[in-house]
Amino acid sequence: MNGTFPELARSLHLELLLQLALATVLGGAIGLEREMKGKPAGLRTNILICVGATFFTHLSIHIGGPANPDRIAANILSGMGFIGAGTILHMRGSVTGLTSAATIWVVAAIGMAAGTALYVEALGTTAVVMVVLAGLGRVERAVGRRAIGSHLTIHARPEPNPVEELQDLVERTGLEIVGVECRRQDVDLVIELDLRGPKRLHEQALAAVIHDPAVRSVSTGE
């Protein structure tokens, strides 16, 4: 009688079902946070990544056997690299989606932990990820309050009018535009932008403006 339940569990693959259920819950918790923030890799994506990593790890252990248990699992993280790269966008010098790409990478690791029955580790890592994604927002806002100002003098082609496009480009980096002035100078349109925000964002904004096709030159006044 004592050996009946373990044999029944093996025949019904209850351990695998438990692992897949856990992967669904953990991936879903992280994915829900991403979904609520409108990120490209949301609820369904993170669940599928976590479940897929769990199942591939389970297959790797059983197909590879004791001699080579990482036969399939070793390729999971490299595969996640392709998916993560798809969430990163390069737009005229600015880069977005790095957090989503890193989240995908970690969710795959959580799935691998579930697939190897490291349940405490999977739960603990999920808790850490949730704290980083949701709990550190206040810290980022506090750091953001320690903003610095900068001034850009942009010489651009007057046709078509690039002012709104450049303002939108700068705002996408996360900087606040506190002042805008425009004037004609010879054949150029001179745009003066007063910006405020974290120092690293000023560098991103400068790179984005420099690469705009309508811009002839940019001066920071330094």
N, C-alpha and C. Protein backbone atom coordinates (compact mmCIF):
# COMPACT_ATOMS: atom_id res chain seq x y z
N MET A 1 0.83 -1.20 0.00
CA MET A 1 0.00 0.00 0.00
C MET A 1 0.87 1.25 0.00
N ASN A 2 2.01 1.19 0.75
CA ASN A 2 2.87 2.36 0.83
C ASN A 2 3.45 2.73 -0.51
N GLY A 3 3.67 1.73 -1.39
CA GLY A 3 4.27 2.03 -2.69
C GLY A 3 3.24 2.34 -3.75
N THR A 4 1.95 2.27 -3.39
CA THR A 4 0.92 2.49 -4.40
C THR A 4 0.85 3.94 -4.86
N PHE A 5 0.87 4.90 -3.93
CA PHE A 5 0.71 6.31 -4.29
C PHE A 5 1.88 6.83 -5.12
N PRO A 6 3.14 6.54 -4.74
CA PRO A 6 4.24 6.99 -5.61
C PRO A 6 4.15 6.45 -7.02
N GLU A 7 3.74 5.17 -7.14
CA GLU A 7 3.60 4.60 -8.49
C GLU A 7 2.46 5.27 -9.25
N LEU A 8 1.35 5.57 -8.55
CA LEU A 8 0.23 6.25 -9.18
C LEU A 8 0.64 7.65 -9.61
N ALA A 9 1.39 8.34 -8.75
CA ALA A 9 1.84 9.70 -9.06
C ALA A 9 2.73 9.70 -10.30
N ARG A 10 3.62 8.70 -10.38
CA ARG A 10 4.49 8.63 -11.55
C ARG A 10 3.70 8.35 -12.82
N SER A 11 2.71 7.45 -12.69
CA SER A 11 1.92 7.09 -13.87
C SER A 11 1.08 8.27 -14.36
N LEU A 12 0.63 9.12 -13.47
CA LEU A 12 -0.18 10.27 -13.86
C LEU A 12 0.66 11.53 -14.09
N HIS A 13 1.98 11.40 -13.90
CA HIS A 13 2.90 12.53 -14.07
C HIS A 13 2.50 13.71 -13.19
N LEU A 14 2.13 13.41 -11.94
CA LEU A 14 1.67 14.46 -11.04
C LEU A 14 2.76 15.49 -10.75
N GLU A 15 4.01 15.04 -10.67
CA GLU A 15 5.09 15.99 -10.39
C GLU A 15 5.23 17.00 -11.52
N LEU A 16 5.15 16.53 -12.76
CA LEU A 16 5.24 17.44 -13.90
C LEU A 16 4.07 18.41 -13.90
N LEU A 17 2.86 17.90 -13.61
CA LEU A 17 1.69 18.78 -13.57
C LEU A 17 1.84 19.83 -12.49
N LEU A 18 2.41 19.44 -11.35
CA LEU A 18 2.65 20.40 -10.28
C LEU A 18 3.64 21.47 -10.72
N GLN A 19 4.69 21.05 -11.40
CA GLN A 19 5.70 21.99 -11.87
C GLN A 19 5.11 22.96 -12.88
N LEU A 20 4.30 22.45 -13.80
CA LEU A 20 3.69 23.32 -14.81
C LEU A 20 2.69 24.29 -14.17
N ALA A 21 1.95 23.81 -13.17
CA ALA A 21 1.01 24.69 -12.47
C ALA A 21 1.75 25.79 -11.73
N LEU A 22 2.86 25.42 -11.08
CA LEU A 22 3.66 26.41 -10.37
C LEU A 22 4.24 27.43 -11.34
N ALA A 23 4.72 26.94 -12.49
CA ALA A 23 5.27 27.85 -13.50
C ALA A 23 4.19 28.81 -14.00
N THR A 24 2.97 28.33 -14.15
CA THR A 24 1.87 29.20 -14.59
C THR A 24 1.60 30.30 -13.58
N VAL A 25 1.61 29.94 -12.30
CA VAL A 25 1.35 30.92 -11.24
C VAL A 25 2.47 31.94 -11.14
N LEU A 26 3.72 31.46 -11.14
CA LEU A 26 4.85 32.37 -10.96
C LEU A 26 5.04 33.26 -12.19
N GLY A 27 4.98 32.65 -13.37
CA GLY A 27 5.08 33.46 -14.58
C GLY A 27 3.92 34.43 -14.71
N GLY A 28 2.75 34.00 -14.28
CA GLY A 28 1.58 34.87 -14.33
C GLY A 28 1.68 36.05 -13.38
N ALA A 29 2.26 35.83 -12.21
CA ALA A 29 2.42 36.93 -11.24
C ALA A 29 3.31 38.04 -11.81
N ILE A 30 4.43 37.62 -12.40
CA ILE A 30 5.34 38.60 -12.99
C ILE A 30 4.71 39.21 -14.24
N GLY A 31 4.07 38.38 -15.06
CA GLY A 31 3.44 38.87 -16.28
C GLY A 31 2.32 39.85 -16.01
N LEU A 32 1.58 39.65 -14.92
CA LEU A 32 0.49 40.56 -14.58
C LEU A 32 1.03 41.95 -14.26
N GLU A 33 2.14 41.99 -13.54
CA GLU A 33 2.77 43.28 -13.23
C GLU A 33 3.20 43.99 -14.51
N ARG A 34 3.78 43.22 -15.45
CA ARG A 34 4.20 43.79 -16.73
C ARG A 34 3.00 44.24 -17.56
N GLU A 35 1.92 43.45 -17.51
CA GLU A 35 0.71 43.78 -18.27
C GLU A 35 0.08 45.07 -17.76
N MET A 36 0.04 45.24 -16.45
CA MET A 36 -0.57 46.43 -15.86
C MET A 36 0.21 47.69 -16.20
N LYS A 37 1.49 47.54 -16.51
CA LYS A 37 2.31 48.69 -16.89
C LYS A 37 2.37 48.87 -18.41
N GLY A 38 1.62 48.04 -19.14
CA GLY A 38 1.55 48.18 -20.58
C GLY A 38 2.82 47.80 -21.32
N LYS A 39 3.58 46.86 -20.77
CA LYS A 39 4.83 46.45 -21.39
C LYS A 39 4.57 45.42 -22.50
N PRO A 40 5.49 45.31 -23.48
CA PRO A 40 5.25 44.40 -24.61
C PRO A 40 5.19 42.93 -24.22
N ALA A 41 5.99 42.52 -23.24
CA ALA A 41 5.96 41.13 -22.76
C ALA A 41 5.09 41.09 -21.51
N GLY A 42 3.81 40.74 -21.71
CA GLY A 42 2.86 40.83 -20.61
C GLY A 42 2.50 39.49 -20.01
N LEU A 43 1.23 39.33 -19.65
CA LEU A 43 0.76 38.17 -18.90
C LEU A 43 0.98 36.87 -19.65
N ARG A 44 0.43 36.76 -20.84
CA ARG A 44 0.51 35.50 -21.59
C ARG A 44 1.95 35.16 -21.97
N THR A 45 2.71 36.17 -22.36
CA THR A 45 4.09 35.91 -22.77
C THR A 45 4.91 35.33 -21.63
N ASN A 46 4.82 35.93 -20.44
CA ASN A 46 5.61 35.44 -19.31
C ASN A 46 5.15 34.08 -18.82
N ILE A 47 3.84 33.82 -18.88
CA ILE A 47 3.36 32.49 -18.51
C ILE A 47 3.91 31.44 -19.47
N LEU A 48 3.81 31.71 -20.75
CA LEU A 48 4.28 30.73 -21.74
C LEU A 48 5.78 30.50 -21.65
N ILE A 49 6.54 31.56 -21.39
CA ILE A 49 8.00 31.41 -21.25
C ILE A 49 8.33 30.55 -20.03
N CYS A 50 7.66 30.82 -18.90
CA CYS A 50 7.93 30.06 -17.68
C CYS A 50 7.51 28.60 -17.84
N VAL A 51 6.34 28.36 -18.41
CA VAL A 51 5.86 26.99 -18.63
C VAL A 51 6.77 26.27 -19.62
N GLY A 52 7.15 26.95 -20.70
CA GLY A 52 8.03 26.34 -21.69
C GLY A 52 9.39 25.97 -21.11
N ALA A 53 9.97 26.86 -20.32
CA ALA A 53 11.26 26.56 -19.70
C ALA A 53 11.16 25.39 -18.74
N THR A 54 10.04 25.32 -18.00
CA THR A 54 9.82 24.20 -17.09
C THR A 54 9.75 22.88 -17.84
N PHE A 55 8.96 22.86 -18.90
CA PHE A 55 8.76 21.62 -19.64
C PHE A 55 10.03 21.18 -20.36
N PHE A 56 10.75 22.13 -20.96
CA PHE A 56 12.00 21.78 -21.63
C PHE A 56 13.04 21.25 -20.63
N THR A 57 13.07 21.83 -19.43
CA THR A 57 13.99 21.34 -18.41
C THR A 57 13.62 19.92 -17.99
N HIS A 58 12.32 19.69 -17.82
CA HIS A 58 11.84 18.34 -17.48
C HIS A 58 12.23 17.34 -18.58
N LEU A 59 12.03 17.72 -19.83
CA LEU A 59 12.41 16.85 -20.93
C LEU A 59 13.92 16.61 -20.97
N SER A 60 14.68 17.65 -20.70
CA SER A 60 16.14 17.53 -20.73
C SER A 60 16.63 16.50 -19.72
N ILE A 61 16.04 16.53 -18.52
CA ILE A 61 16.45 15.59 -17.47
C ILE A 61 16.12 14.16 -17.88
N HIS A 62 14.94 13.97 -18.47
CA HIS A 62 14.50 12.61 -18.80
C HIS A 62 15.10 12.09 -20.10
N ILE A 63 15.34 12.98 -21.06
CA ILE A 63 15.94 12.53 -22.31
C ILE A 63 17.44 12.36 -22.17
N GLY A 64 18.09 13.33 -21.53
CA GLY A 64 19.54 13.26 -21.37
C GLY A 64 19.98 12.19 -20.39
N GLY A 65 19.13 11.94 -19.39
CA GLY A 65 19.49 10.93 -18.40
C GLY A 65 20.57 11.44 -17.45
N PRO A 66 21.03 10.58 -16.55
CA PRO A 66 22.04 10.99 -15.57
C PRO A 66 23.34 11.47 -16.21
N ALA A 67 23.68 10.94 -17.37
CA ALA A 67 24.96 11.29 -17.99
C ALA A 67 24.95 12.68 -18.60
N ASN A 68 23.81 13.11 -19.12
CA ASN A 68 23.76 14.40 -19.82
C ASN A 68 22.41 15.08 -19.58
N PRO A 69 22.11 15.48 -18.33
CA PRO A 69 20.79 16.03 -18.01
C PRO A 69 20.56 17.43 -18.57
N ASP A 70 21.63 18.12 -18.97
CA ASP A 70 21.47 19.49 -19.48
C ASP A 70 21.44 19.54 -21.00
N ARG A 71 21.17 18.42 -21.62
CA ARG A 71 21.23 18.33 -23.08
C ARG A 71 20.33 19.35 -23.77
N ILE A 72 19.12 19.52 -23.29
CA ILE A 72 18.18 20.48 -23.87
C ILE A 72 18.19 21.79 -23.08
N ALA A 73 18.26 21.68 -21.76
CA ALA A 73 18.15 22.86 -20.90
C ALA A 73 19.21 23.90 -21.19
N ALA A 74 20.38 23.46 -21.65
CA ALA A 74 21.47 24.40 -21.92
C ALA A 74 21.12 25.40 -23.01
N ASN A 75 20.15 25.06 -23.86
CA ASN A 75 19.79 25.94 -24.96
C ASN A 75 18.63 26.88 -24.63
N ILE A 76 18.07 26.75 -23.44
CA ILE A 76 16.91 27.57 -23.10
C ILE A 76 17.28 29.05 -23.03
N LEU A 77 18.35 29.38 -22.30
CA LEU A 77 18.71 30.78 -22.12
C LEU A 77 19.14 31.44 -23.42
N SER A 78 19.82 30.69 -24.27
CA SER A 78 20.19 31.27 -25.56
C SER A 78 18.95 31.54 -26.40
N GLY A 79 17.96 30.65 -26.30
CA GLY A 79 16.69 30.89 -26.99
C GLY A 79 15.96 32.10 -26.45
N MET A 80 16.06 32.31 -25.12
CA MET A 80 15.42 33.49 -24.53
C MET A 80 16.07 34.77 -25.03
N GLY A 81 17.35 34.68 -25.42
CA GLY A 81 18.03 35.86 -25.94
C GLY A 81 17.35 36.40 -27.19
N PHE A 82 16.88 35.51 -28.06
CA PHE A 82 16.20 35.94 -29.28
C PHE A 82 14.87 36.61 -28.94
N ILE A 83 14.14 36.02 -27.99
CA ILE A 83 12.85 36.62 -27.60
C ILE A 83 13.08 37.96 -26.93
N GLY A 84 14.07 38.01 -26.04
CA GLY A 84 14.37 39.27 -25.36
C GLY A 84 14.79 40.36 -26.32
N ALA A 85 15.55 40.00 -27.34
CA ALA A 85 15.98 40.99 -28.33
C ALA A 85 14.80 41.60 -29.05
N GLY A 86 13.73 40.82 -29.20
CA GLY A 86 12.55 41.33 -29.88
C GLY A 86 11.80 42.39 -29.09
N THR A 87 12.04 42.47 -27.78
CA THR A 87 11.36 43.47 -26.96
C THR A 87 12.16 44.76 -26.85
N ILE A 88 13.41 44.76 -27.35
CA ILE A 88 14.26 45.95 -27.27
C ILE A 88 14.09 46.77 -28.54
N LEU A 89 13.78 48.02 -28.39
CA LEU A 89 13.56 48.91 -29.53
C LEU A 89 14.64 49.97 -29.57
N HIS A 90 15.20 50.20 -30.74
CA HIS A 90 16.17 51.27 -30.95
C HIS A 90 15.50 52.33 -31.81
N MET A 91 15.34 53.51 -31.24
CA MET A 91 14.68 54.59 -31.97
C MET A 91 15.53 55.85 -31.90
N ARG A 92 16.28 56.09 -32.97
CA ARG A 92 17.03 57.33 -33.11
C ARG A 92 17.87 57.62 -31.88
N GLY A 93 18.65 56.68 -31.48
CA GLY A 93 19.58 56.90 -30.38
C GLY A 93 19.06 56.51 -29.02
N SER A 94 17.75 56.30 -28.85
CA SER A 94 17.21 55.89 -27.56
C SER A 94 16.89 54.40 -27.59
N VAL A 95 17.02 53.76 -26.45
CA VAL A 95 16.80 52.32 -26.34
C VAL A 95 15.73 52.08 -25.29
N THR A 96 14.72 51.29 -25.62
CA THR A 96 13.66 50.94 -24.67
C THR A 96 13.46 49.43 -24.67
N GLY A 97 12.88 48.92 -23.59
CA GLY A 97 12.56 47.49 -23.52
C GLY A 97 13.62 46.65 -22.83
N LEU A 98 14.66 47.27 -22.27
CA LEU A 98 15.71 46.47 -21.63
C LEU A 98 15.18 45.74 -20.40
N THR A 99 14.30 46.40 -19.63
CA THR A 99 13.74 45.75 -18.44
C THR A 99 12.88 44.55 -18.83
N SER A 100 12.09 44.69 -19.89
CA SER A 100 11.27 43.57 -20.36
C SER A 100 12.13 42.40 -20.80
N ALA A 101 13.24 42.71 -21.50
CA ALA A 101 14.14 41.65 -21.95
C ALA A 101 14.78 40.94 -20.77
N ALA A 102 15.20 41.70 -19.76
CA ALA A 102 15.79 41.09 -18.57
C ALA A 102 14.77 40.26 -17.80
N THR A 103 13.52 40.73 -17.77
CA THR A 103 12.46 39.99 -17.09
C THR A 103 12.23 38.64 -17.75
N ILE A 104 12.20 38.62 -19.08
CA ILE A 104 12.03 37.37 -19.82
C ILE A 104 13.14 36.39 -19.46
N TRP A 105 14.35 36.87 -19.39
CA TRP A 105 15.51 36.04 -19.06
C TRP A 105 15.36 35.41 -17.67
N VAL A 106 14.94 36.23 -16.69
CA VAL A 106 14.78 35.73 -15.32
C VAL A 106 13.59 34.77 -15.22
N VAL A 107 12.50 35.07 -15.92
CA VAL A 107 11.33 34.18 -15.90
C VAL A 107 11.69 32.80 -16.44
N ALA A 108 12.53 32.76 -17.46
CA ALA A 108 12.99 31.47 -17.98
C ALA A 108 13.78 30.72 -16.92
N ALA A 109 14.61 31.43 -16.16
CA ALA A 109 15.37 30.80 -15.09
C ALA A 109 14.44 30.26 -13.99
N ILE A 110 13.38 30.99 -13.69
CA ILE A 110 12.40 30.52 -12.71
C ILE A 110 11.73 29.24 -13.21
N GLY A 111 11.39 29.20 -14.49
CA GLY A 111 10.82 27.99 -15.06
C GLY A 111 11.77 26.81 -14.99
N MET A 112 13.06 27.06 -15.22
CA MET A 112 14.05 25.99 -15.12
C MET A 112 14.15 25.47 -13.69
N ALA A 113 14.06 26.39 -12.72
CA ALA A 113 14.09 25.97 -11.31
C ALA A 113 12.89 25.10 -10.98
N ALA A 114 11.72 25.49 -11.48
CA ALA A 114 10.52 24.67 -11.24
C ALA A 114 10.65 23.31 -11.90
N GLY A 115 11.27 23.28 -13.09
CA GLY A 115 11.42 22.02 -13.81
C GLY A 115 12.40 21.06 -13.17
N THR A 116 13.25 21.56 -12.29
CA THR A 116 14.18 20.70 -11.56
C THR A 116 13.77 20.51 -10.11
N ALA A 117 12.50 20.83 -9.81
CA ALA A 117 11.92 20.66 -8.47
C ALA A 117 12.57 21.54 -7.42
N LEU A 118 13.17 22.65 -7.82
CA LEU A 118 13.71 23.62 -6.87
C LEU A 118 12.62 24.66 -6.58
N TYR A 119 11.60 24.22 -5.86
CA TYR A 119 10.40 25.03 -5.69
C TYR A 119 10.65 26.25 -4.80
N VAL A 120 11.40 26.08 -3.73
CA VAL A 120 11.68 27.21 -2.83
C VAL A 120 12.48 28.28 -3.57
N GLU A 121 13.46 27.83 -4.36
CA GLU A 121 14.27 28.78 -5.14
C GLU A 121 13.42 29.53 -6.16
N ALA A 122 12.50 28.80 -6.80
CA ALA A 122 11.63 29.44 -7.79
C ALA A 122 10.72 30.48 -7.13
N LEU A 123 10.15 30.12 -5.99
CA LEU A 123 9.28 31.06 -5.27
C LEU A 123 10.06 32.27 -4.78
N GLY A 124 11.24 32.03 -4.23
CA GLY A 124 12.06 33.12 -3.72
C GLY A 124 12.49 34.08 -4.81
N THR A 125 12.90 33.53 -5.96
CA THR A 125 13.32 34.39 -7.07
C THR A 125 12.15 35.22 -7.59
N THR A 126 10.97 34.61 -7.66
CA THR A 126 9.78 35.35 -8.10
C THR A 126 9.50 36.51 -7.16
N ALA A 127 9.62 36.27 -5.86
CA ALA A 127 9.39 37.34 -4.89
C ALA A 127 10.38 38.48 -5.09
N VAL A 128 11.64 38.13 -5.32
CA VAL A 128 12.67 39.15 -5.55
C VAL A 128 12.35 39.97 -6.81
N VAL A 129 11.96 39.27 -7.88
CA VAL A 129 11.64 39.96 -9.14
C VAL A 129 10.46 40.90 -8.94
N MET A 130 9.44 40.47 -8.21
CA MET A 130 8.28 41.32 -7.97
C MET A 130 8.66 42.56 -7.18
N VAL A 131 9.55 42.41 -6.21
CA VAL A 131 10.00 43.56 -5.43
C VAL A 131 10.76 44.54 -6.33
N VAL A 132 11.62 44.00 -7.19
CA VAL A 132 12.40 44.85 -8.09
C VAL A 132 11.49 45.59 -9.06
N LEU A 133 10.54 44.89 -9.67
CA LEU A 133 9.68 45.50 -10.68
C LEU A 133 8.67 46.46 -10.09
N ALA A 134 8.05 46.07 -8.99
CA ALA A 134 6.97 46.88 -8.42
C ALA A 134 7.43 47.77 -7.27
N GLY A 135 8.29 47.21 -6.42
CA GLY A 135 8.66 47.93 -5.19
C GLY A 135 9.70 49.01 -5.36
N LEU A 136 10.54 48.91 -6.38
CA LEU A 136 11.61 49.90 -6.55
C LEU A 136 11.17 51.12 -7.34
N GLY A 137 9.90 51.16 -7.73
CA GLY A 137 9.41 52.33 -8.45
C GLY A 137 9.54 53.60 -7.62
N ARG A 138 9.30 53.48 -6.30
CA ARG A 138 9.43 54.64 -5.43
C ARG A 138 10.87 55.13 -5.37
N VAL A 139 11.79 54.17 -5.33
CA VAL A 139 13.20 54.55 -5.32
C VAL A 139 13.58 55.28 -6.59
N GLU A 140 13.11 54.77 -7.74
CA GLU A 140 13.39 55.43 -9.01
C GLU A 140 12.81 56.83 -9.04
N ARG A 141 11.60 56.99 -8.51
CA ARG A 141 10.99 58.33 -8.49
C ARG A 141 11.77 59.27 -7.59
N ALA A 142 12.26 58.73 -6.46
CA ALA A 142 13.05 59.56 -5.55
C ALA A 142 14.35 60.01 -6.21
N VAL A 143 14.97 59.08 -6.94
CA VAL A 143 16.20 59.43 -7.67
C VAL A 143 15.88 60.43 -8.77
N GLY A 144 14.74 60.23 -9.41
CA GLY A 144 14.36 61.14 -10.49
C GLY A 144 14.15 62.57 -10.02
N ARG A 145 13.79 62.73 -8.73
CA ARG A 145 13.59 64.08 -8.21
C ARG A 145 14.91 64.85 -8.14
N ARG A 146 16.00 64.10 -8.05
CA ARG A 146 17.31 64.75 -8.02
C ARG A 146 17.74 65.03 -9.46
N ALA A 147 16.93 65.81 -10.12
CA ALA A 147 17.13 66.05 -11.54
C ALA A 147 18.11 67.20 -11.76
N ILE A 148 18.70 67.19 -12.93
CA ILE A 148 19.56 68.28 -13.35
C ILE A 148 18.98 68.89 -14.61
N GLY A 149 19.41 70.08 -14.93
CA GLY A 149 18.92 70.76 -16.11
C GLY A 149 19.98 70.80 -17.20
N SER A 150 19.54 70.91 -18.43
CA SER A 150 20.45 71.07 -19.55
C SER A 150 19.79 71.92 -20.62
N HIS A 151 20.60 72.42 -21.53
CA HIS A 151 20.09 73.29 -22.59
C HIS A 151 20.64 72.81 -23.93
N LEU A 152 19.75 72.64 -24.90
CA LEU A 152 20.16 72.23 -26.23
C LEU A 152 19.82 73.35 -27.22
N THR A 153 20.80 73.68 -28.03
CA THR A 153 20.59 74.60 -29.14
C THR A 153 20.69 73.78 -30.43
N ILE A 154 19.58 73.66 -31.13
CA ILE A 154 19.49 72.77 -32.29
C ILE A 154 19.31 73.60 -33.56
N HIS A 155 20.17 73.35 -34.53
CA HIS A 155 20.01 73.94 -35.86
C HIS A 155 19.43 72.86 -36.77
N ALA A 156 18.23 73.13 -37.29
CA ALA A 156 17.52 72.11 -38.07
C ALA A 156 17.01 72.71 -39.37
N ARG A 157 16.70 71.83 -40.30
CA ARG A 157 16.08 72.25 -41.56
C ARG A 157 14.66 72.73 -41.26
N PRO A 158 14.26 73.84 -41.82
CA PRO A 158 12.93 74.39 -41.49
C PRO A 158 11.76 73.64 -42.11
N GLU A 159 12.01 72.89 -43.16
CA GLU A 159 10.92 72.18 -43.83
C GLU A 159 11.20 70.68 -43.87
N PRO A 160 10.27 69.84 -43.42
CA PRO A 160 9.06 70.22 -42.70
C PRO A 160 9.38 70.69 -41.28
N ASN A 161 8.44 71.32 -40.63
CA ASN A 161 8.68 71.87 -39.29
C ASN A 161 9.04 70.76 -38.31
N PRO A 162 10.27 70.76 -37.78
CA PRO A 162 10.71 69.64 -36.93
C PRO A 162 10.45 69.83 -35.44
N VAL A 163 9.86 70.95 -35.05
CA VAL A 163 9.77 71.28 -33.62
C VAL A 163 9.01 70.21 -32.85
N GLU A 164 7.80 69.89 -33.29
CA GLU A 164 6.98 68.90 -32.57
C GLU A 164 7.65 67.53 -32.57
N GLU A 165 8.27 67.18 -33.69
CA GLU A 165 8.94 65.87 -33.77
C GLU A 165 10.09 65.78 -32.78
N LEU A 166 10.88 66.86 -32.68
CA LEU A 166 12.01 66.85 -31.74
C LEU A 166 11.53 66.86 -30.30
N GLN A 167 10.47 67.59 -30.02
CA GLN A 167 9.92 67.59 -28.66
C GLN A 167 9.46 66.19 -28.28
N ASP A 168 8.75 65.53 -29.18
CA ASP A 168 8.28 64.17 -28.93
C ASP A 168 9.45 63.21 -28.74
N LEU A 169 10.50 63.41 -29.53
CA LEU A 169 11.69 62.57 -29.44
C LEU A 169 12.35 62.70 -28.08
N VAL A 170 12.47 63.92 -27.59
CA VAL A 170 13.10 64.16 -26.28
C VAL A 170 12.23 63.62 -25.16
N GLU A 171 10.92 63.84 -25.24
CA GLU A 171 10.02 63.38 -24.18
C GLU A 171 9.99 61.86 -24.06
N ARG A 172 10.21 61.15 -25.18
CA ARG A 172 10.23 59.69 -25.13
C ARG A 172 11.40 59.16 -24.32
N THR A 173 12.44 59.94 -24.13
CA THR A 173 13.56 59.51 -23.30
C THR A 173 13.24 59.63 -21.82
N GLY A 174 12.16 60.33 -21.48
CA GLY A 174 11.77 60.50 -20.08
C GLY A 174 12.10 61.86 -19.50
N LEU A 175 12.69 62.74 -20.29
CA LEU A 175 13.02 64.08 -19.80
C LEU A 175 11.80 65.00 -19.85
N GLU A 176 11.82 65.99 -19.00
CA GLU A 176 10.78 67.02 -19.00
C GLU A 176 11.30 68.24 -19.76
N ILE A 177 10.51 68.74 -20.68
CA ILE A 177 10.86 69.96 -21.41
C ILE A 177 10.25 71.14 -20.66
N VAL A 178 11.09 71.99 -20.12
CA VAL A 178 10.60 73.12 -19.32
C VAL A 178 10.59 74.43 -20.10
N GLY A 179 11.17 74.43 -21.29
CA GLY A 179 11.16 75.64 -22.08
C GLY A 179 11.50 75.37 -23.54
N VAL A 180 10.79 76.06 -24.45
CA VAL A 180 11.03 75.90 -25.89
C VAL A 180 11.02 77.28 -26.54
N GLU A 181 12.03 77.56 -27.34
CA GLU A 181 12.08 78.80 -28.13
C GLU A 181 12.51 78.46 -29.55
N CYS A 182 11.91 79.11 -30.53
CA CYS A 182 12.25 78.87 -31.94
C CYS A 182 12.49 80.20 -32.63
N ARG A 183 13.43 80.21 -33.57
CA ARG A 183 13.67 81.40 -34.38
C ARG A 183 14.34 80.99 -35.68
N ARG A 184 14.22 81.82 -36.69
CA ARG A 184 14.90 81.58 -37.94
C ARG A 184 16.25 82.27 -37.93
N GLN A 185 17.25 81.56 -38.42
CA GLN A 185 18.60 82.12 -38.54
C GLN A 185 19.17 81.68 -39.88
N ASP A 186 19.25 82.62 -40.82
CA ASP A 186 19.64 82.31 -42.18
C ASP A 186 18.70 81.23 -42.74
N VAL A 187 19.25 80.10 -43.16
CA VAL A 187 18.41 79.05 -43.75
C VAL A 187 17.97 78.02 -42.71
N ASP A 188 18.43 78.16 -41.48
CA ASP A 188 18.13 77.17 -40.44
C ASP A 188 17.00 77.64 -39.52
N LEU A 189 16.36 76.66 -38.91
CA LEU A 189 15.45 76.90 -37.80
C LEU A 189 16.22 76.56 -36.53
N VAL A 190 16.37 77.54 -35.64
CA VAL A 190 17.09 77.33 -34.40
C VAL A 190 16.08 77.05 -33.28
N ILE A 191 16.24 75.92 -32.64
CA ILE A 191 15.33 75.49 -31.58
C ILE A 191 16.11 75.41 -30.27
N GLU A 192 15.65 76.16 -29.27
CA GLU A 192 16.27 76.16 -27.94
C GLU A 192 15.39 75.33 -27.01
N LEU A 193 15.96 74.26 -26.42
CA LEU A 193 15.22 73.40 -25.50
C LEU A 193 15.87 73.43 -24.13
N ASP A 194 15.08 73.73 -23.10
CA ASP A 194 15.53 73.61 -21.72
C ASP A 194 14.93 72.33 -21.15
N LEU A 195 15.80 71.43 -20.69
CA LEU A 195 15.38 70.10 -20.27
C LEU A 195 15.69 69.88 -18.80
N ARG A 196 14.94 68.97 -18.19
CA ARG A 196 15.18 68.62 -16.79
C ARG A 196 14.90 67.14 -16.59
N GLY A 197 15.81 66.46 -15.83
CA GLY A 197 15.65 65.05 -15.54
C GLY A 197 16.96 64.43 -15.11
N PRO A 198 16.98 63.11 -14.88
CA PRO A 198 18.22 62.42 -14.48
C PRO A 198 19.32 62.58 -15.52
N LYS A 199 20.56 62.60 -15.06
CA LYS A 199 21.70 62.88 -15.94
C LYS A 199 21.80 61.91 -17.11
N ARG A 200 21.57 60.61 -16.86
CA ARG A 200 21.73 59.62 -17.92
C ARG A 200 20.73 59.84 -19.05
N LEU A 201 19.57 60.43 -18.75
CA LEU A 201 18.57 60.67 -19.78
C LEU A 201 18.96 61.84 -20.68
N HIS A 202 19.72 62.77 -20.15
CA HIS A 202 20.19 63.89 -20.97
C HIS A 202 21.12 63.37 -22.07
N GLU A 203 21.94 62.39 -21.73
CA GLU A 203 22.84 61.81 -22.72
C GLU A 203 22.06 61.07 -23.79
N GLN A 204 21.01 60.35 -23.40
CA GLN A 204 20.17 59.65 -24.37
C GLN A 204 19.46 60.63 -25.29
N ALA A 205 18.96 61.72 -24.71
CA ALA A 205 18.25 62.72 -25.51
C ALA A 205 19.18 63.37 -26.52
N LEU A 206 20.40 63.68 -26.09
CA LEU A 206 21.36 64.29 -27.00
C LEU A 206 21.67 63.36 -28.17
N ALA A 207 21.87 62.07 -27.88
CA ALA A 207 22.15 61.10 -28.94
C ALA A 207 20.97 60.97 -29.89
N ALA A 208 19.75 60.98 -29.34
CA ALA A 208 18.56 60.85 -30.18
C ALA A 208 18.40 62.06 -31.11
N VAL A 209 18.64 63.26 -30.57
CA VAL A 209 18.49 64.48 -31.39
C VAL A 209 19.55 64.53 -32.48
N ILE A 210 20.78 64.17 -32.15
CA ILE A 210 21.87 64.21 -33.13
C ILE A 210 21.55 63.32 -34.34
N HIS A 211 20.90 62.18 -34.10
CA HIS A 211 20.62 61.24 -35.18
C HIS A 211 19.34 61.55 -35.95
N ASP A 212 18.63 62.61 -35.57
CA ASP A 212 17.43 62.97 -36.32
C ASP A 212 17.83 63.53 -37.68
N PRO A 213 17.20 63.07 -38.77
CA PRO A 213 17.61 63.51 -40.12
C PRO A 213 17.39 64.99 -40.39
N ALA A 214 16.52 65.64 -39.63
CA ALA A 214 16.25 67.07 -39.86
C ALA A 214 17.28 67.98 -39.17
N VAL A 215 18.09 67.40 -38.30
CA VAL A 215 19.02 68.20 -37.48
C VAL A 215 20.36 68.36 -38.20
N ARG A 216 20.82 69.63 -38.27
CA ARG A 216 22.13 69.92 -38.86
C ARG A 216 23.23 69.88 -37.80
N SER A 217 22.97 70.47 -36.64
CA SER A 217 23.97 70.52 -35.56
C SER A 217 23.28 70.71 -34.23
N VAL A 218 23.97 70.31 -33.15
CA VAL A 218 23.43 70.44 -31.79
C VAL A 218 24.54 70.96 -30.90
N SER A 219 24.20 71.93 -30.07
CA SER A 219 25.15 72.47 -29.09
C SER A 219 24.52 72.39 -27.71
N THR A 220 25.31 71.98 -26.73
CA THR A 220 24.81 71.90 -25.36
C THR A 220 25.14 73.14 -24.55
N GLY A 221 25.96 74.02 -25.09
CA GLY A 221 26.32 75.25 -24.38
C GLY A 221 27.38 75.05 -23.33
N GLU A 222 27.97 73.84 -23.29
CA GLU A 222 29.00 73.58 -22.28
C GLU A 222 30.38 74.01 -22.78
